[in-house]
Amino acid sequence: MPAFQYTALDSAGRERRGLLEGDTARQVRQQLREQQLLPVSIAEVEGNEAKRNTGLRFSLRRGISAADLSMLTRQLATLSRAGLPLEEALLAVSQQTEKPRVAAIVSGVRARVLEGRSLADGLGAFPQVFPEIYRATVSAGEQAGRLDNVLERLADYTESREILQSKIRNALVYPVLLTVVCVVIVSLLLGYVVPEVVNVFKAGKHQLPLLTRALIALSDGFRHWWWLLGLGTGGAVWGFRRWLEDPAARRRWHHAQLRTLLIGRVVRGVNAARFARTLSILTASAVPVLEALRIAGEVVSNLPMRDAVANAADRVREGAPIAKSLGTSRLFPPMLIHLIASGESSGELESMLERAATNQERDMDGIVNTAVNVLGPAMILVMGGFVLLIVLALLLPIFELNQLVK
């Protein structure tokens, strides 16, 4: 039975929104009238989502947040393990959430399950919400009769990804904040403080020191041409993004990232951890190896590393081991390759992949913490250096005047 999202007016003229299930929109309107509500608009959930996914191309949120997806999956896994039928579990999850968008999506999935479709087919109606790894894992769990175990693994997977992304975001807050503060302080000094102080020196007839003259020229240029600086910066960012739209250019940029000392380690570590965690949950859910490699390769954002996974899948199709196929590219960390090889030889590939993912995430924590500990003081030193140069440029004429007086 499809789910419909409605907007209606009550007897006092207040707007009400919600979800109702019915065979047709006409039946839903009748239900609303029986509840003393005047229907204003009624739309099937699947139609709403399709419109959002195709018409609103510039929407900032086409899906739901990783935290919402993680909570939804955990609740569904708990209810399934408790023995509730799937449609009742979906109904309970839709009623439990306080977010109308999540409730609408879950109700849409439940409507398709009530029509006799599988859970994976129901999730497939919302591809922007449930990624391919999610749907493939659920499909494998349904076919193997282990849906509750698969949902538990998916909940752990979504939670671990959210934790890793949160750590990286939180680690970037401090350096970004310091950079913004540094730019603001230097801009204020050049735009307002320096001109007021320099007017005192311009009244004199003696030549100002070179550093002071350079500072005056920089300040005048900044005050008169700040708009050109902003326009140039915006144009450079726009041009760079347009350049990255070319696949060949984006691949060269990703190659350059891998060759950069610190950035390369971060990019390689993040993608390796994401790949290992995804491959682990797929193999644990009895997804075929070639299909698991294809899906795990899609979650790798770096193009050369994604190409390496695709080439490895071709070699595995020809009978080569996974570890040897991945190691040929030399893009993945050696520890990951060794653990995969150990898992293949011992028949414990799932556990070794999980251990490799945990190891990579632990290494990433160390790298990110080290980077933050280095970038913070570095930004302070850079800002202090700029301020020191400005102060010296302002003090040098005073020192020269003292020498003349003596």
Protein backbone atom coordinates (compact mmCIF):
# COMPACT_ATOMS: atom_id res chain seq x y z
CA MET A 1 0.00 0.00 0.00
CA PRO A 2 1.61 3.29 -1.07
CA ALA A 3 2.39 6.07 1.39
CA PHE A 4 1.18 9.60 0.68
CA GLN A 5 2.47 12.86 2.10
CA TYR A 6 -0.32 15.33 2.71
CA THR A 7 -0.91 18.95 3.62
CA ALA A 8 -4.32 19.78 5.09
CA LEU A 9 -6.17 22.44 7.10
CA ASP A 10 -7.98 21.75 10.34
CA SER A 11 -11.21 23.40 11.52
CA ALA A 12 -9.25 26.34 12.96
CA GLY A 13 -7.44 26.95 9.66
CA ARG A 14 -4.07 25.64 10.90
CA GLU A 15 -1.90 23.74 8.46
CA ARG A 16 -1.25 20.07 9.20
CA ARG A 17 1.34 17.86 7.50
CA GLY A 18 1.85 14.13 7.76
CA LEU A 19 1.80 10.70 6.15
CA LEU A 20 -1.07 8.35 5.41
CA GLU A 21 -1.24 5.01 3.65
CA GLY A 22 -3.87 4.27 1.05
CA ASP A 23 -4.47 2.57 -2.27
CA THR A 24 -5.06 5.87 -4.06
CA ALA A 25 -4.83 9.59 -3.40
CA ARG A 26 -8.63 9.71 -3.43
CA GLN A 27 -8.77 7.24 -0.54
CA VAL A 28 -6.29 9.36 1.42
CA ARG A 29 -8.46 12.46 0.86
CA GLN A 30 -11.44 10.55 2.22
CA GLN A 31 -9.45 9.57 5.32
CA LEU A 32 -8.53 13.21 5.88
CA ARG A 33 -12.15 14.34 5.58
CA GLU A 34 -13.15 11.70 8.12
CA GLN A 35 -10.59 13.29 10.46
CA GLN A 36 -12.25 16.71 9.92
CA LEU A 37 -9.30 17.91 7.82
CA LEU A 38 -9.49 19.76 4.50
CA PRO A 39 -6.96 18.31 1.99
CA VAL A 40 -4.73 20.88 0.29
CA SER A 41 -2.12 18.72 -1.43
CA ILE A 42 -1.41 14.98 -1.56
CA ALA A 43 1.61 13.36 -3.20
CA GLU A 44 2.96 9.83 -3.17
CA VAL A 45 6.31 9.54 -1.38
CA GLU A 46 8.08 7.96 -4.36
CA GLY A 47 6.96 10.79 -6.62
CA ASN A 48 8.25 13.36 -4.15
CA GLU A 49 11.65 11.73 -3.96
CA ALA A 50 11.95 11.37 -7.72
CA LYS A 51 11.13 15.05 -8.12
CA ARG A 52 13.73 15.99 -5.54
CA ASN A 53 16.37 13.83 -7.16
CA THR A 54 15.82 15.05 -10.72
CA GLY A 55 14.34 18.54 -10.56
CA LEU A 56 16.23 20.07 -7.66
CA ARG A 57 19.74 19.51 -8.92
CA PHE A 58 21.17 22.27 -6.78
CA SER A 59 19.67 21.11 -3.48
CA LEU A 60 22.21 20.89 -0.70
CA ARG A 61 20.54 17.83 0.85
CA ARG A 62 19.28 15.25 -1.59
CA GLY A 63 19.50 12.41 0.96
CA ILE A 64 19.63 12.23 4.73
CA SER A 65 22.57 12.73 7.04
CA ALA A 66 24.92 9.88 7.91
CA ALA A 67 23.83 10.14 11.54
CA ASP A 68 20.16 9.69 10.57
CA LEU A 69 21.01 6.74 8.34
CA SER A 70 23.05 5.15 11.12
CA MET A 71 20.26 5.57 13.67
CA LEU A 72 17.63 4.28 11.25
CA THR A 73 19.72 1.19 10.50
CA ARG A 74 20.43 0.50 14.18
CA GLN A 75 16.75 0.73 15.08
CA LEU A 76 15.76 -1.55 12.21
CA ALA A 77 18.45 -4.07 13.14
CA THR A 78 17.32 -4.12 16.80
CA LEU A 79 13.67 -4.65 15.89
CA SER A 80 14.52 -7.35 13.34
CA ARG A 81 16.67 -9.21 15.87
CA ALA A 82 13.77 -9.01 18.33
CA GLY A 83 11.67 -11.02 15.87
CA LEU A 84 9.30 -8.32 14.57
CA PRO A 85 8.03 -8.77 11.01
CA LEU A 86 9.76 -6.45 8.58
CA GLU A 87 6.72 -4.29 7.84
CA GLU A 88 6.06 -3.78 11.58
CA ALA A 89 9.70 -2.90 12.18
CA LEU A 90 9.59 -0.31 9.39
CA LEU A 91 6.35 1.12 10.80
CA ALA A 92 7.91 1.42 14.26
CA VAL A 93 11.01 3.16 12.86
CA SER A 94 8.88 5.65 10.89
CA GLN A 95 6.87 6.45 14.03
CA GLN A 96 9.97 6.70 16.22
CA THR A 97 11.82 9.34 14.21
CA GLU A 98 11.10 13.01 14.81
CA LYS A 99 12.20 14.10 11.33
CA PRO A 100 9.39 14.16 8.73
CA ARG A 101 11.77 13.51 5.84
CA VAL A 102 13.15 10.32 7.40
CA ALA A 103 9.62 9.20 8.32
CA ALA A 104 8.46 9.77 4.73
CA ILE A 105 11.33 7.72 3.31
CA VAL A 106 10.82 4.81 5.72
CA SER A 107 7.08 4.86 5.01
CA GLY A 108 7.83 4.75 1.30
CA VAL A 109 10.06 1.71 1.79
CA ARG A 110 7.38 0.02 3.92
CA ALA A 111 4.75 0.67 1.26
CA ARG A 112 6.80 -1.29 -1.25
CA VAL A 113 7.42 -4.10 1.20
CA LEU A 114 3.64 -4.36 1.76
CA GLU A 115 3.25 -4.67 -2.01
CA GLY A 116 5.31 -7.87 -1.85
CA ARG A 117 8.68 -6.49 -2.87
CA SER A 118 11.91 -7.25 -1.04
CA LEU A 119 13.48 -4.76 1.34
CA ALA A 120 16.34 -4.18 -1.12
CA ASP A 121 13.83 -3.30 -3.86
CA GLY A 122 12.09 -0.91 -1.49
CA LEU A 123 15.40 0.77 -0.65
CA GLY A 124 16.16 1.02 -4.37
CA ALA A 125 13.36 3.56 -4.78
CA PHE A 126 15.52 6.02 -2.81
CA PRO A 127 19.06 5.69 -4.27
CA GLN A 128 20.13 9.09 -2.93
CA VAL A 129 19.39 7.93 0.62
CA PHE A 130 20.56 4.32 0.54
CA PRO A 131 23.87 3.90 -1.37
CA GLU A 132 24.63 0.88 -3.52
CA ILE A 133 26.67 -0.86 -0.83
CA TYR A 134 23.70 -0.57 1.52
CA ARG A 135 21.25 -2.07 -0.98
CA ALA A 136 23.61 -4.83 -2.13
CA THR A 137 24.34 -5.87 1.45
CA VAL A 138 20.65 -5.96 2.37
CA SER A 139 19.90 -8.00 -0.77
CA ALA A 140 22.60 -10.53 0.12
CA GLY A 141 21.30 -10.74 3.69
CA GLU A 142 17.74 -11.37 2.50
CA GLN A 143 18.87 -14.11 0.13
CA ALA A 144 20.96 -15.78 2.85
CA GLY A 145 18.24 -15.43 5.50
CA ARG A 146 20.52 -13.36 7.77
CA LEU A 147 18.93 -9.94 7.48
CA ASP A 148 19.24 -9.13 11.21
CA ASN A 149 23.00 -9.86 11.23
CA VAL A 150 23.51 -7.89 8.03
CA LEU A 151 21.62 -4.90 9.42
CA GLU A 152 23.78 -5.00 12.56
CA ARG A 153 26.93 -4.89 10.40
CA LEU A 154 25.47 -2.07 8.32
CA ALA A 155 24.71 -0.10 11.49
CA ASP A 156 28.30 -0.57 12.68
CA TYR A 157 29.58 0.41 9.23
CA THR A 158 27.54 3.62 8.98
CA GLU A 159 28.47 4.58 12.54
CA SER A 160 32.19 3.99 11.93
CA ARG A 161 32.09 6.08 8.75
CA GLU A 162 30.30 8.88 10.55
CA ILE A 163 32.87 8.77 13.38
CA LEU A 164 35.80 8.92 10.93
CA GLN A 165 34.26 11.83 8.99
CA SER A 166 33.48 13.67 12.23
CA LYS A 167 37.08 13.29 13.41
CA ILE A 168 38.42 14.73 10.17
CA ARG A 169 35.91 17.63 10.23
CA ASN A 170 36.65 18.42 13.86
CA ALA A 171 40.39 18.26 13.24
CA LEU A 172 40.09 20.81 10.42
CA VAL A 173 38.14 23.33 12.50
CA TYR A 174 41.18 24.65 14.42
CA PRO A 175 43.52 25.25 11.41
CA VAL A 176 40.72 26.79 9.36
CA LEU A 177 39.73 29.09 12.23
CA LEU A 178 43.34 30.18 12.69
CA THR A 179 43.66 30.89 8.97
CA VAL A 180 40.53 33.02 8.97
CA VAL A 181 41.70 34.95 12.04
CA CYS A 182 45.12 35.50 10.46
CA VAL A 183 43.62 36.86 7.24
CA VAL A 184 41.20 39.13 9.12
CA ILE A 185 43.89 40.57 11.41
CA VAL A 186 46.36 41.26 8.59
CA SER A 187 43.56 42.79 6.47
CA LEU A 188 42.53 45.12 9.30
CA LEU A 189 46.14 46.17 9.90
CA LEU A 190 46.75 46.89 6.21
CA GLY A 191 43.40 48.53 5.57
CA TYR A 192 42.90 50.70 8.68
CA VAL A 193 45.80 50.73 11.14
CA VAL A 194 48.78 51.20 8.80
CA PRO A 195 47.31 54.19 6.83
CA GLU A 196 46.57 56.10 10.04
CA VAL A 197 50.08 55.62 11.40
CA VAL A 198 51.85 56.21 8.08
CA ASN A 199 50.21 59.65 7.67
CA VAL A 200 52.46 60.84 10.49
CA PHE A 201 55.61 59.79 8.61
CA LYS A 202 54.50 61.27 5.27
CA ALA A 203 54.68 64.78 6.74
CA GLY A 204 58.45 64.44 7.14
CA LYS A 205 60.87 65.27 4.33
CA HIS A 206 63.41 62.46 4.85
CA GLN A 207 63.22 59.24 2.91
CA LEU A 208 61.46 56.36 4.66
CA PRO A 209 63.11 52.92 5.07
CA LEU A 210 62.59 50.35 2.31
CA LEU A 211 60.45 48.08 4.51
CA THR A 212 58.19 50.99 5.44
CA ARG A 213 57.80 52.07 1.81
CA ALA A 214 56.96 48.50 0.82
CA LEU A 215 54.36 48.33 3.59
CA ILE A 216 52.82 51.65 2.45
CA ALA A 217 52.63 50.40 -1.14
CA LEU A 218 51.06 47.14 0.03
CA SER A 219 48.55 48.97 2.20
CA ASP A 220 47.60 51.41 -0.60
CA GLY A 221 47.22 48.58 -3.06
CA PHE A 222 45.07 46.60 -0.64
CA ARG A 223 42.77 49.57 0.12
CA HIS A 224 42.29 50.55 -3.52
CA TRP A 225 42.25 47.13 -5.16
CA TRP A 226 40.77 44.82 -2.50
CA TRP A 227 37.78 44.15 -4.75
CA LEU A 228 40.14 42.99 -7.53
CA LEU A 229 41.85 40.65 -5.06
CA GLY A 230 38.50 39.18 -4.04
CA LEU A 231 37.40 38.89 -7.65
CA GLY A 232 40.65 37.20 -8.62
CA THR A 233 40.41 34.74 -5.74
CA GLY A 234 36.82 33.86 -6.63
CA GLY A 235 37.74 33.51 -10.30
CA ALA A 236 40.66 31.24 -9.44
CA VAL A 237 38.44 29.00 -7.31
CA TRP A 238 35.77 28.87 -10.03
CA GLY A 239 38.35 28.13 -12.72
CA PHE A 240 39.92 25.38 -10.62
CA ARG A 241 36.55 23.72 -10.08
CA ARG A 242 35.74 23.94 -13.78
CA TRP A 243 39.14 22.41 -14.53
CA LEU A 244 38.39 19.51 -12.19
CA GLU A 245 35.22 18.73 -14.16
CA ASP A 246 37.46 17.25 -16.85
CA PRO A 247 38.13 13.57 -15.87
CA ALA A 248 41.71 13.70 -17.15
CA ALA A 249 42.43 16.89 -15.17
CA ARG A 250 40.82 15.47 -12.06
CA ARG A 251 42.92 12.32 -12.39
CA ARG A 252 46.12 14.42 -12.65
CA TRP A 253 45.06 16.37 -9.57
CA HIS A 254 44.45 13.15 -7.63
CA HIS A 255 47.87 11.85 -8.73
CA ALA A 256 49.42 15.06 -7.43
CA GLN A 257 47.65 14.60 -4.09
CA LEU A 258 49.13 11.12 -3.70
CA ARG A 259 52.64 12.44 -4.39
CA THR A 260 52.36 15.22 -1.77
CA LEU A 261 54.01 14.22 1.49
CA LEU A 262 51.36 14.79 4.18
CA ILE A 263 48.29 15.12 1.95
CA GLY A 264 49.21 11.90 0.15
CA ARG A 265 49.30 9.94 3.41
CA VAL A 266 45.93 11.31 4.47
CA VAL A 267 44.27 10.63 1.08
CA ARG A 268 45.76 7.14 0.86
CA GLY A 269 44.83 6.31 4.45
CA VAL A 270 41.23 7.57 4.24
CA ASN A 271 40.53 5.73 0.99
CA ALA A 272 42.26 2.54 2.13
CA ALA A 273 40.24 2.49 5.37
CA ARG A 274 37.01 3.13 3.49
CA PHE A 275 37.80 0.40 0.94
CA ALA A 276 38.76 -2.18 3.57
CA ARG A 277 35.71 -1.48 5.73
CA THR A 278 33.35 -1.69 2.75
CA LEU A 279 34.92 -4.89 1.38
CA SER A 280 34.78 -6.41 4.87
CA ILE A 281 31.06 -5.88 5.33
CA LEU A 282 30.30 -7.07 1.80
CA THR A 283 32.28 -10.31 2.11
CA ALA A 284 30.77 -10.92 5.56
CA SER A 285 27.32 -10.57 3.99
CA ALA A 286 28.07 -13.25 1.36
CA VAL A 287 28.24 -10.80 -1.56
CA PRO A 288 30.25 -12.37 -4.44
CA VAL A 289 33.89 -11.26 -4.47
CA LEU A 290 33.84 -9.56 -7.87
CA GLU A 291 30.63 -7.69 -7.03
CA ALA A 292 32.10 -6.74 -3.63
CA LEU A 293 35.26 -5.38 -5.28
CA ARG A 294 33.19 -3.35 -7.74
CA ILE A 295 31.06 -1.78 -5.01
CA ALA A 296 34.03 -1.22 -2.69
CA GLY A 297 35.86 0.50 -5.54
CA GLU A 298 32.97 2.96 -5.94
CA VAL A 299 33.44 4.29 -2.39
CA VAL A 300 37.10 5.17 -3.15
CA SER A 301 37.13 8.87 -4.03
CA ASN A 302 40.71 9.05 -5.37
CA LEU A 303 40.61 8.17 -9.10
CA PRO A 304 44.01 6.43 -9.39
CA MET A 305 43.16 4.25 -6.39
CA ARG A 306 39.72 3.52 -7.85
CA ASP A 307 41.36 2.51 -11.13
CA ALA A 308 43.69 0.25 -9.16
CA VAL A 309 40.69 -1.52 -7.60
CA ALA A 310 39.06 -1.95 -11.02
CA ASN A 311 42.28 -3.42 -12.45
CA ALA A 312 42.56 -5.71 -9.43
CA ALA A 313 39.01 -6.94 -10.01
CA ASP A 314 39.97 -7.84 -13.60
CA ARG A 315 42.94 -9.86 -12.34
CA VAL A 316 40.80 -11.58 -9.69
CA ARG A 317 38.34 -12.52 -12.44
CA GLU A 318 41.25 -14.25 -14.19
CA GLY A 319 42.10 -16.19 -11.03
CA ALA A 320 44.71 -14.01 -9.30
CA PRO A 321 44.62 -13.44 -5.49
CA ILE A 322 43.10 -10.19 -4.20
CA ALA A 323 46.20 -9.11 -2.27
CA LYS A 324 48.58 -9.62 -5.20
CA SER A 325 46.18 -7.86 -7.57
CA LEU A 326 45.88 -4.82 -5.30
CA GLY A 327 49.60 -4.75 -4.50
CA THR A 328 50.54 -4.36 -8.17
CA SER A 329 49.50 -0.69 -8.17
CA ARG A 330 51.60 0.17 -5.07
CA LEU A 331 48.93 2.72 -4.11
CA PHE A 332 47.50 0.89 -1.11
CA PRO A 333 49.39 0.70 2.22
CA PRO A 334 51.61 -2.41 2.53
CA MET A 335 49.99 -3.35 5.86
CA LEU A 336 46.59 -3.57 4.16
CA ILE A 337 48.01 -5.82 1.41
CA HIS A 338 49.73 -8.12 3.93
CA LEU A 339 46.59 -8.50 6.04
CA ILE A 340 44.46 -9.30 2.97
CA ALA A 341 47.04 -11.89 1.86
CA SER A 342 47.00 -13.43 5.34
CA GLY A 343 43.22 -13.57 5.30
CA GLU A 344 43.17 -15.26 1.89
CA SER A 345 45.69 -17.91 2.93
CA SER A 346 44.01 -18.62 6.28
CA GLY A 347 40.41 -18.43 5.03
CA GLU A 348 39.64 -15.53 7.38
CA LEU A 349 39.43 -12.74 4.83
CA GLU A 350 36.49 -11.06 6.58
CA SER A 351 38.22 -10.69 9.95
CA MET A 352 41.51 -9.63 8.36
CA LEU A 353 39.75 -6.96 6.31
CA GLU A 354 38.07 -5.66 9.45
CA ARG A 355 41.40 -5.63 11.24
CA ALA A 356 42.98 -3.80 8.29
CA ALA A 357 40.21 -1.19 8.32
CA THR A 358 40.63 -0.66 12.07
CA ASN A 359 44.39 -0.38 11.65
CA GLN A 360 44.05 2.20 8.87
CA GLU A 361 41.53 4.24 10.87
CA ARG A 362 43.89 4.20 13.86
CA ASP A 363 46.76 5.37 11.65
CA MET A 364 44.52 8.12 10.28
CA ASP A 365 43.76 9.32 13.80
CA GLY A 366 47.49 9.62 14.46
CA ILE A 367 48.17 11.41 11.16
CA VAL A 368 45.30 13.85 11.63
CA ASN A 369 46.28 14.60 15.23
CA THR A 370 49.90 15.17 14.17
CA ALA A 371 48.82 17.44 11.32
CA VAL A 372 46.63 19.50 13.65
CA ASN A 373 49.43 19.75 16.23
CA VAL A 374 51.78 21.01 13.50
CA LEU A 375 49.39 23.27 11.57
CA GLY A 376 48.17 25.13 14.67
CA PRO A 377 51.57 26.44 15.79
CA ALA A 378 52.61 26.95 12.15
CA MET A 379 49.64 29.24 11.51
CA ILE A 380 50.39 31.15 14.72
CA LEU A 381 54.01 31.61 13.61
CA VAL A 382 52.93 32.80 10.16
CA MET A 383 50.49 35.30 11.64
CA GLY A 384 53.12 36.44 14.14
CA GLY A 385 55.62 36.89 11.31
CA PHE A 386 53.23 39.13 9.36
CA VAL A 387 52.48 41.22 12.44
CA LEU A 388 56.21 41.47 13.26
CA LEU A 389 57.00 42.77 9.77
CA ILE A 390 54.24 45.38 10.05
CA VAL A 391 55.46 46.52 13.47
CA LEU A 392 59.07 46.73 12.28
CA ALA A 393 58.02 48.74 9.23
CA LEU A 394 56.25 51.20 11.53
CA LEU A 395 59.06 51.39 14.09
CA LEU A 396 62.02 51.82 11.71
CA PRO A 397 61.20 55.49 10.88
CA ILE A 398 60.94 56.21 14.60
CA PHE A 399 64.37 54.66 15.21
CA GLU A 400 65.83 56.80 12.38
CA LEU A 401 64.29 59.97 13.85
CA ASN A 402 65.92 59.18 17.18
CA GLN A 403 69.26 58.79 15.48
CA LEU A 404 68.83 62.16 13.74
CA VAL A 405 67.96 63.86 17.03
CA LYS A 406 71.11 62.48 18.65
